[in-house]
Amino acid sequence: MTTPRSTTRAEDAYQQLRADILNGRHEPGSRLRVEVLKERYGVSSGVLREALPRLVGQGLATFAPQQGFRVVAVSPEHLRDLTEARVVIETHVVRESMAHGSIEWESDLLAAHHNLARTSYTDSTGEINERWLSAHARFHGTLLAGCPNRRLQAVATQLRESAEVYRCWAPATATGHSHRDVAAEHRLLCDRAIARDVPGTVEALTEHIELTSLLLLEGHRQETDGGTAP
């Protein structure tokens, strides 16, 4: 059975919009006007009305009656709240994942980590590599996939996806890839989860989430202050 062309176009439009938001081509808080997006992406209003709600569901956009769609607004306070919520939810879900994850879950996690480790963070233009974003999402999703409570998994996923927009909020170096060994952090998470080391995995995941937030906040502060100390 073939996929309807309209569904394929909606998927393509969604992926393009998501990439443009994460790479800062649509600024945080800016309007996502259907008429403008039609011209930019060469798609119909109907296709966009399929794609835009998916961005809302991921926490990358908002919708309000009479105001339409907007890229989600960002702020230091929101990032701090989001980070706290992620730590609370994700560490609980990862505990459940390790308690209930099967051998198949272990195999899936090893495969997801292998794919992430072999994928470059940036593409040939220096922008965030969409393949890395997908591999990163798959790894973190698989890490939590052993949890039998699908609602908790969904909440954790939504919070993590909401945090992705902050990658375009601060300078590229603030993602931490020039200040830390992110590959080693992911490898440690994978190894400890496979070993069912609950305290170690919780510690590694907490530090991974909090360090990303800390570096983003520091990068934003430096950009706001022109690189000077407060």
C-alpha atoms as a PDB file:
ATOM      1  CA  MET A   1       0.000   0.000   0.000  1.00  0.00           C
ATOM      2  CA  THR A   2       1.485   3.357  -1.040  1.00  0.00           C
ATOM      3  CA  THR A   3       1.644   6.402   1.231  1.00  0.00           C
ATOM      4  CA  PRO A   4      -0.702   9.237   0.146  1.00  0.00           C
ATOM      5  CA  ARG A   5       1.206  12.104  -1.456  1.00  0.00           C
ATOM      6  CA  SER A   6      -0.372  14.652   0.920  1.00  0.00           C
ATOM      7  CA  THR A   7       0.949  12.687   3.906  1.00  0.00           C
ATOM      8  CA  THR A   8       4.440  12.636   2.398  1.00  0.00           C
ATOM      9  CA  ARG A   9       4.318  16.383   1.756  1.00  0.00           C
ATOM     10  CA  ALA A  10       3.153  17.049   5.318  1.00  0.00           C
ATOM     11  CA  GLU A  11       6.021  14.947   6.645  1.00  0.00           C
ATOM     12  CA  ASP A  12       8.526  16.789   4.442  1.00  0.00           C
ATOM     13  CA  ALA A  13       7.130  20.178   5.520  1.00  0.00           C
ATOM     14  CA  TYR A  14       7.274  19.143   9.164  1.00  0.00           C
ATOM     15  CA  GLN A  15      10.903  18.016   8.871  1.00  0.00           C
ATOM     16  CA  GLN A  16      11.885  21.252   7.085  1.00  0.00           C
ATOM     17  CA  LEU A  17      10.125  23.419   9.655  1.00  0.00           C
ATOM     18  CA  ARG A  18      11.655  21.481  12.533  1.00  0.00           C
ATOM     19  CA  ALA A  19      15.148  21.802  11.058  1.00  0.00           C
ATOM     20  CA  ASP A  20      14.688  25.534  10.470  1.00  0.00           C
ATOM     21  CA  ILE A  21      13.496  26.091  14.052  1.00  0.00           C
ATOM     22  CA  LEU A  22      16.350  24.082  15.562  1.00  0.00           C
ATOM     23  CA  ASN A  23      18.897  25.899  13.398  1.00  0.00           C
ATOM     24  CA  GLY A  24      17.517  29.318  14.306  1.00  0.00           C
ATOM     25  CA  ARG A  25      16.090  30.214  10.890  1.00  0.00           C
ATOM     26  CA  HIS A  26      12.761  30.823  12.638  1.00  0.00           C
ATOM     27  CA  GLU A  27      13.582  32.788  15.762  1.00  0.00           C
ATOM     28  CA  PRO A  28      12.103  31.870  19.164  1.00  0.00           C
ATOM     29  CA  GLY A  29       8.763  33.620  19.668  1.00  0.00           C
ATOM     30  CA  SER A  30       8.338  34.504  15.974  1.00  0.00           C
ATOM     31  CA  ARG A  31       5.050  34.026  14.105  1.00  0.00           C
ATOM     32  CA  LEU A  32       4.665  31.026  11.819  1.00  0.00           C
ATOM     33  CA  ARG A  33       2.301  32.584   9.296  1.00  0.00           C
ATOM     34  CA  VAL A  34       0.692  30.044   7.000  1.00  0.00           C
ATOM     35  CA  GLU A  35       0.668  32.395   4.007  1.00  0.00           C
ATOM     36  CA  VAL A  36       4.380  33.120   4.394  1.00  0.00           C
ATOM     37  CA  LEU A  37       5.275  29.471   4.969  1.00  0.00           C
ATOM     38  CA  LYS A  38       3.328  28.429   1.851  1.00  0.00           C
ATOM     39  CA  GLU A  39       5.647  30.555  -0.277  1.00  0.00           C
ATOM     40  CA  ARG A  40       8.784  29.562   1.586  1.00  0.00           C
ATOM     41  CA  TYR A  41       8.240  25.810   1.441  1.00  0.00           C
ATOM     42  CA  GLY A  42       6.128  25.559  -1.682  1.00  0.00           C
ATOM     43  CA  VAL A  43       3.275  23.661  -0.025  1.00  0.00           C
ATOM     44  CA  SER A  44      -0.461  24.171   0.475  1.00  0.00           C
ATOM     45  CA  SER A  45      -2.256  25.502   3.541  1.00  0.00           C
ATOM     46  CA  GLY A  46      -3.656  22.029   4.148  1.00  0.00           C
ATOM     47  CA  VAL A  47      -0.189  20.499   4.276  1.00  0.00           C
ATOM     48  CA  LEU A  48       0.982  23.131   6.753  1.00  0.00           C
ATOM     49  CA  ARG A  49      -2.080  22.588   8.935  1.00  0.00           C
ATOM     50  CA  GLU A  50      -1.020  18.963   9.212  1.00  0.00           C
ATOM     51  CA  ALA A  51       2.618  19.797   9.959  1.00  0.00           C
ATOM     52  CA  LEU A  52       2.303  22.725  12.393  1.00  0.00           C
ATOM     53  CA  PRO A  53       0.336  20.901  15.148  1.00  0.00           C
ATOM     54  CA  ARG A  54       3.113  18.309  15.287  1.00  0.00           C
ATOM     55  CA  LEU A  55       5.546  21.075  16.204  1.00  0.00           C
ATOM     56  CA  VAL A  56       3.167  22.141  18.973  1.00  0.00           C
ATOM     57  CA  GLY A  57       3.028  18.559  20.222  1.00  0.00           C
ATOM     58  CA  GLN A  58       6.826  18.503  20.383  1.00  0.00           C
ATOM     59  CA  GLY A  59       6.984  21.740  22.327  1.00  0.00           C
ATOM     60  CA  LEU A  60       8.729  23.549  19.487  1.00  0.00           C
ATOM     61  CA  ALA A  61       5.761  25.815  18.708  1.00  0.00           C
ATOM     62  CA  THR A  62       2.635  27.178  20.378  1.00  0.00           C
ATOM     63  CA  PHE A  63      -0.865  27.891  19.140  1.00  0.00           C
ATOM     64  CA  ALA A  64      -3.433  30.397  20.389  1.00  0.00           C
ATOM     65  CA  PRO A  65      -6.850  31.277  18.889  1.00  0.00           C
ATOM     66  CA  GLN A  66      -6.767  34.518  16.887  1.00  0.00           C
ATOM     67  CA  GLN A  67      -2.972  34.522  17.117  1.00  0.00           C
ATOM     68  CA  GLY A  68      -2.015  31.387  15.225  1.00  0.00           C
ATOM     69  CA  PHE A  69       1.234  29.470  15.499  1.00  0.00           C
ATOM     70  CA  ARG A  70       4.491  30.762  16.948  1.00  0.00           C
ATOM     71  CA  VAL A  71       7.901  29.289  17.570  1.00  0.00           C
ATOM     72  CA  VAL A  72       8.067  28.596  21.291  1.00  0.00           C
ATOM     73  CA  ALA A  73       9.508  31.515  23.257  1.00  0.00           C
ATOM     74  CA  VAL A  74      12.624  30.908  25.327  1.00  0.00           C
ATOM     75  CA  SER A  75      14.074  32.422  28.478  1.00  0.00           C
ATOM     76  CA  PRO A  76      16.611  31.508  31.176  1.00  0.00           C
ATOM     77  CA  GLU A  77      13.780  30.951  33.645  1.00  0.00           C
ATOM     78  CA  HIS A  78      11.937  28.612  31.295  1.00  0.00           C
ATOM     79  CA  LEU A  79      15.106  26.622  30.605  1.00  0.00           C
ATOM     80  CA  ARG A  80      15.798  26.238  34.326  1.00  0.00           C
ATOM     81  CA  ASP A  81      12.244  25.028  34.945  1.00  0.00           C
ATOM     82  CA  LEU A  82      12.441  22.694  31.964  1.00  0.00           C
ATOM     83  CA  THR A  83      15.761  21.281  33.157  1.00  0.00           C
ATOM     84  CA  GLU A  84      14.398  20.609  36.644  1.00  0.00           C
ATOM     85  CA  ALA A  85      11.342  18.870  35.197  1.00  0.00           C
ATOM     86  CA  ARG A  86      13.478  16.756  32.862  1.00  0.00           C
ATOM     87  CA  VAL A  87      15.736  15.578  35.660  1.00  0.00           C
ATOM     88  CA  VAL A  88      12.786  14.578  37.864  1.00  0.00           C
ATOM     89  CA  ILE A  89      10.856  12.778  35.104  1.00  0.00           C
ATOM     90  CA  GLU A  90      13.690  11.244  33.083  1.00  0.00           C
ATOM     91  CA  THR A  91      15.563   9.839  36.081  1.00  0.00           C
ATOM     92  CA  HIS A  92      12.360   8.188  37.291  1.00  0.00           C
ATOM     93  CA  VAL A  93      11.630   6.742  33.859  1.00  0.00           C
ATOM     94  CA  VAL A  94      15.190   5.479  33.381  1.00  0.00           C
ATOM     95  CA  ARG A  95      14.974   3.645  36.717  1.00  0.00           C
ATOM     96  CA  GLU A  96      11.821   1.916  35.494  1.00  0.00           C
ATOM     97  CA  SER A  97      13.451   1.246  32.129  1.00  0.00           C
ATOM     98  CA  MET A  98      16.388  -0.570  33.725  1.00  0.00           C
ATOM     99  CA  ALA A  99      14.095  -2.478  36.065  1.00  0.00           C
ATOM    100  CA  HIS A 100      11.885  -3.768  33.250  1.00  0.00           C
ATOM    101  CA  GLY A 101      14.022  -3.594  30.106  1.00  0.00           C
ATOM    102  CA  SER A 102      14.491  -6.883  28.269  1.00  0.00           C
ATOM    103  CA  ILE A 103      17.505  -8.273  26.420  1.00  0.00           C
ATOM    104  CA  GLU A 104      15.925  -6.823  23.261  1.00  0.00           C
ATOM    105  CA  TRP A 105      15.922  -3.425  24.960  1.00  0.00           C
ATOM    106  CA  GLU A 106      19.639  -3.811  25.656  1.00  0.00           C
ATOM    107  CA  SER A 107      20.266  -4.690  22.008  1.00  0.00           C
ATOM    108  CA  ASP A 108      18.227  -1.705  20.824  1.00  0.00           C
ATOM    109  CA  LEU A 109      20.120   0.620  23.168  1.00  0.00           C
ATOM    110  CA  LEU A 110      23.507  -0.642  21.967  1.00  0.00           C
ATOM    111  CA  ALA A 111      22.414  -0.160  18.344  1.00  0.00           C
ATOM    112  CA  ALA A 112      21.082   3.352  19.033  1.00  0.00           C
ATOM    113  CA  HIS A 113      24.320   4.313  20.765  1.00  0.00           C
ATOM    114  CA  HIS A 114      26.420   2.900  17.926  1.00  0.00           C
ATOM    115  CA  ASN A 115      24.444   4.962  15.407  1.00  0.00           C
ATOM    116  CA  LEU A 116      24.784   8.138  17.503  1.00  0.00           C
ATOM    117  CA  ALA A 117      28.512   7.621  18.025  1.00  0.00           C
ATOM    118  CA  ARG A 118      29.039   7.311  14.262  1.00  0.00           C
ATOM    119  CA  THR A 119      27.081  10.458  13.366  1.00  0.00           C
ATOM    120  CA  SER A 120      28.643  13.923  13.172  1.00  0.00           C
ATOM    121  CA  TYR A 121      27.020  16.699  15.220  1.00  0.00           C
ATOM    122  CA  THR A 122      27.331  19.272  12.426  1.00  0.00           C
ATOM    123  CA  ASP A 123      26.864  18.976   8.676  1.00  0.00           C
ATOM    124  CA  SER A 124      29.092  20.280   5.876  1.00  0.00           C
ATOM    125  CA  THR A 125      27.709  23.817   6.323  1.00  0.00           C
ATOM    126  CA  GLY A 126      28.428  23.897  10.060  1.00  0.00           C
ATOM    127  CA  GLU A 127      24.768  23.688  11.046  1.00  0.00           C
ATOM    128  CA  ILE A 128      23.236  21.089  13.329  1.00  0.00           C
ATOM    129  CA  ASN A 129      23.143  17.781  11.477  1.00  0.00           C
ATOM    130  CA  GLU A 130      19.569  16.519  11.164  1.00  0.00           C
ATOM    131  CA  ARG A 131      20.883  12.970  11.185  1.00  0.00           C
ATOM    132  CA  TRP A 132      22.584  13.647  14.527  1.00  0.00           C
ATOM    133  CA  LEU A 133      19.378  15.107  15.968  1.00  0.00           C
ATOM    134  CA  SER A 134      17.479  11.999  14.896  1.00  0.00           C
ATOM    135  CA  ALA A 135      20.171   9.669  16.259  1.00  0.00           C
ATOM    136  CA  HIS A 136      20.295  11.623  19.515  1.00  0.00           C
ATOM    137  CA  ALA A 137      16.522  11.452  19.917  1.00  0.00           C
ATOM    138  CA  ARG A 138      16.567   7.730  19.162  1.00  0.00           C
ATOM    139  CA  PHE A 139      19.285   7.077  21.753  1.00  0.00           C
ATOM    140  CA  HIS A 140      17.555   8.956  24.558  1.00  0.00           C
ATOM    141  CA  GLY A 141      14.180   7.503  23.588  1.00  0.00           C
ATOM    142  CA  THR A 142      15.577   3.972  23.611  1.00  0.00           C
ATOM    143  CA  LEU A 143      17.249   4.579  26.972  1.00  0.00           C
ATOM    144  CA  LEU A 144      13.772   5.155  28.443  1.00  0.00           C
ATOM    145  CA  ALA A 145      11.899   2.615  26.289  1.00  0.00           C
ATOM    146  CA  GLY A 146      12.124  -0.212  28.821  1.00  0.00           C
ATOM    147  CA  CYS A 147       9.725   1.645  31.117  1.00  0.00           C
ATOM    148  CA  PRO A 148       6.286  -0.028  30.911  1.00  0.00           C
ATOM    149  CA  ASN A 149       4.413   3.222  31.625  1.00  0.00           C
ATOM    150  CA  ARG A 150       3.864   4.756  28.186  1.00  0.00           C
ATOM    151  CA  ARG A 151       2.399   7.959  29.607  1.00  0.00           C
ATOM    152  CA  LEU A 152       5.561   8.642  31.581  1.00  0.00           C
ATOM    153  CA  GLN A 153       7.627   7.888  28.497  1.00  0.00           C
ATOM    154  CA  ALA A 154       5.548  10.367  26.496  1.00  0.00           C
ATOM    155  CA  VAL A 155       5.977  13.109  29.103  1.00  0.00           C
ATOM    156  CA  ALA A 156       9.738  12.554  29.202  1.00  0.00           C
ATOM    157  CA  THR A 157       9.937  12.665  25.410  1.00  0.00           C
ATOM    158  CA  GLN A 158       7.884  15.863  25.184  1.00  0.00           C
ATOM    159  CA  LEU A 159      10.112  17.603  27.746  1.00  0.00           C
ATOM    160  CA  ARG A 160      13.285  16.536  25.959  1.00  0.00           C
ATOM    161  CA  GLU A 161      11.937  17.703  22.597  1.00  0.00           C
ATOM    162  CA  SER A 162      10.928  21.047  24.125  1.00  0.00           C
ATOM    163  CA  ALA A 163      14.538  21.504  25.219  1.00  0.00           C
ATOM    164  CA  GLU A 164      15.843  21.047  21.651  1.00  0.00           C
ATOM    165  CA  VAL A 165      14.827  24.572  20.599  1.00  0.00           C
ATOM    166  CA  TYR A 166      17.422  25.956  23.010  1.00  0.00           C
ATOM    167  CA  ARG A 167      20.158  24.654  20.719  1.00  0.00           C
ATOM    168  CA  CYS A 168      19.436  27.622  18.428  1.00  0.00           C
ATOM    169  CA  TRP A 169      19.024  30.110  21.279  1.00  0.00           C
ATOM    170  CA  ALA A 170      22.663  30.352  22.320  1.00  0.00           C
ATOM    171  CA  PRO A 171      25.838  30.400  20.170  1.00  0.00           C
ATOM    172  CA  ALA A 172      26.735  27.068  18.567  1.00  0.00           C
ATOM    173  CA  THR A 173      29.652  26.560  20.956  1.00  0.00           C
ATOM    174  CA  ALA A 174      27.247  26.727  23.900  1.00  0.00           C
ATOM    175  CA  THR A 175      25.856  23.299  23.100  1.00  0.00           C
ATOM    176  CA  GLY A 176      28.943  22.112  24.877  1.00  0.00           C
ATOM    177  CA  HIS A 177      30.553  20.170  22.065  1.00  0.00           C
ATOM    178  CA  SER A 178      33.696  22.319  22.274  1.00  0.00           C
ATOM    179  CA  HIS A 179      33.841  22.184  26.079  1.00  0.00           C
ATOM    180  CA  ARG A 180      33.068  18.565  26.879  1.00  0.00           C
ATOM    181  CA  ASP A 181      33.240  15.043  25.560  1.00  0.00           C
ATOM    182  CA  VAL A 182      29.577  14.478  24.702  1.00  0.00           C
ATOM    183  CA  ALA A 183      30.361  11.148  23.061  1.00  0.00           C
ATOM    184  CA  ALA A 184      31.885   9.949  26.342  1.00  0.00           C
ATOM    185  CA  GLU A 185      28.770  11.072  28.227  1.00  0.00           C
ATOM    186  CA  HIS A 186      26.531   9.044  25.934  1.00  0.00           C
ATOM    187  CA  ARG A 187      28.877   6.052  26.129  1.00  0.00           C
ATOM    188  CA  LEU A 188      28.816   6.215  29.944  1.00  0.00           C
ATOM    189  CA  LEU A 189      25.015   6.374  29.945  1.00  0.00           C
ATOM    190  CA  CYS A 190      24.816   3.360  27.662  1.00  0.00           C
ATOM    191  CA  ASP A 191      27.354   1.296  29.616  1.00  0.00           C
ATOM    192  CA  ARG A 192      25.779   1.993  32.998  1.00  0.00           C
ATOM    193  CA  ALA A 193      22.253   1.310  31.735  1.00  0.00           C
ATOM    194  CA  ILE A 194      23.290  -2.020  30.177  1.00  0.00           C
ATOM    195  CA  ALA A 195      24.975  -2.933  33.476  1.00  0.00           C
ATOM    196  CA  ARG A 196      21.701  -2.066  35.296  1.00  0.00           C
ATOM    197  CA  ASP A 197      23.701   0.345  37.454  1.00  0.00           C
ATOM    198  CA  VAL A 198      20.737   2.394  38.657  1.00  0.00           C
ATOM    199  CA  PRO A 199      22.552   4.960  40.868  1.00  0.00           C
ATOM    200  CA  GLY A 200      25.302   5.388  38.277  1.00  0.00           C
ATOM    201  CA  THR A 201      22.883   5.849  35.377  1.00  0.00           C
ATOM    202  CA  VAL A 202      20.745   8.330  37.303  1.00  0.00           C
ATOM    203  CA  GLU A 203      23.863  10.304  38.214  1.00  0.00           C
ATOM    204  CA  ALA A 204      25.154  10.295  34.622  1.00  0.00           C
ATOM    205  CA  LEU A 205      21.782  11.290  33.158  1.00  0.00           C
ATOM    206  CA  THR A 206      21.319  14.104  35.686  1.00  0.00           C
ATOM    207  CA  GLU A 207      24.766  15.501  34.961  1.00  0.00           C
ATOM    208  CA  HIS A 208      24.212  15.169  31.197  1.00  0.00           C
ATOM    209  CA  ILE A 209      20.963  17.163  31.303  1.00  0.00           C
ATOM    210  CA  GLU A 210      22.173  19.781  33.782  1.00  0.00           C
ATOM    211  CA  LEU A 211      25.509  20.399  32.041  1.00  0.00           C
ATOM    212  CA  THR A 212      23.811  21.036  28.717  1.00  0.00           C
ATOM    213  CA  SER A 213      21.515  23.564  30.389  1.00  0.00           C
ATOM    214  CA  LEU A 214      24.395  25.213  32.245  1.00  0.00           C
ATOM    215  CA  LEU A 215      26.425  25.669  29.064  1.00  0.00           C
ATOM    216  CA  LEU A 216      23.438  27.033  27.150  1.00  0.00           C
ATOM    217  CA  LEU A 217      22.737  29.555  29.898  1.00  0.00           C
ATOM    218  CA  GLU A 218      26.400  30.558  30.034  1.00  0.00           C
ATOM    219  CA  GLY A 219      26.550  30.928  26.249  1.00  0.00           C
ATOM    220  CA  HIS A 220      23.428  33.080  26.260  1.00  0.00           C
ATOM    221  CA  ARG A 221      24.810  35.252  29.078  1.00  0.00           C
ATOM    222  CA  GLN A 222      28.061  35.817  27.213  1.00  0.00           C
ATOM    223  CA  GLU A 223      26.220  36.701  24.019  1.00  0.00           C
ATOM    224  CA  THR A 224      23.894  39.099  25.878  1.00  0.00           C
ATOM    225  CA  ASP A 225      26.798  40.708  27.736  1.00  0.00           C
ATOM    226  CA  GLY A 226      28.999  40.850  24.672  1.00  0.00           C
ATOM    227  CA  GLY A 227      31.321  38.223  26.123  1.00  0.00           C
ATOM    228  CA  THR A 228      32.081  40.234  29.271  1.00  0.00           C
ATOM    229  CA  ALA A 229      31.819  39.012  32.820  1.00  0.00           C
ATOM    230  CA  PRO A 230      28.763  40.105  34.823  1.00  0.00           C
END
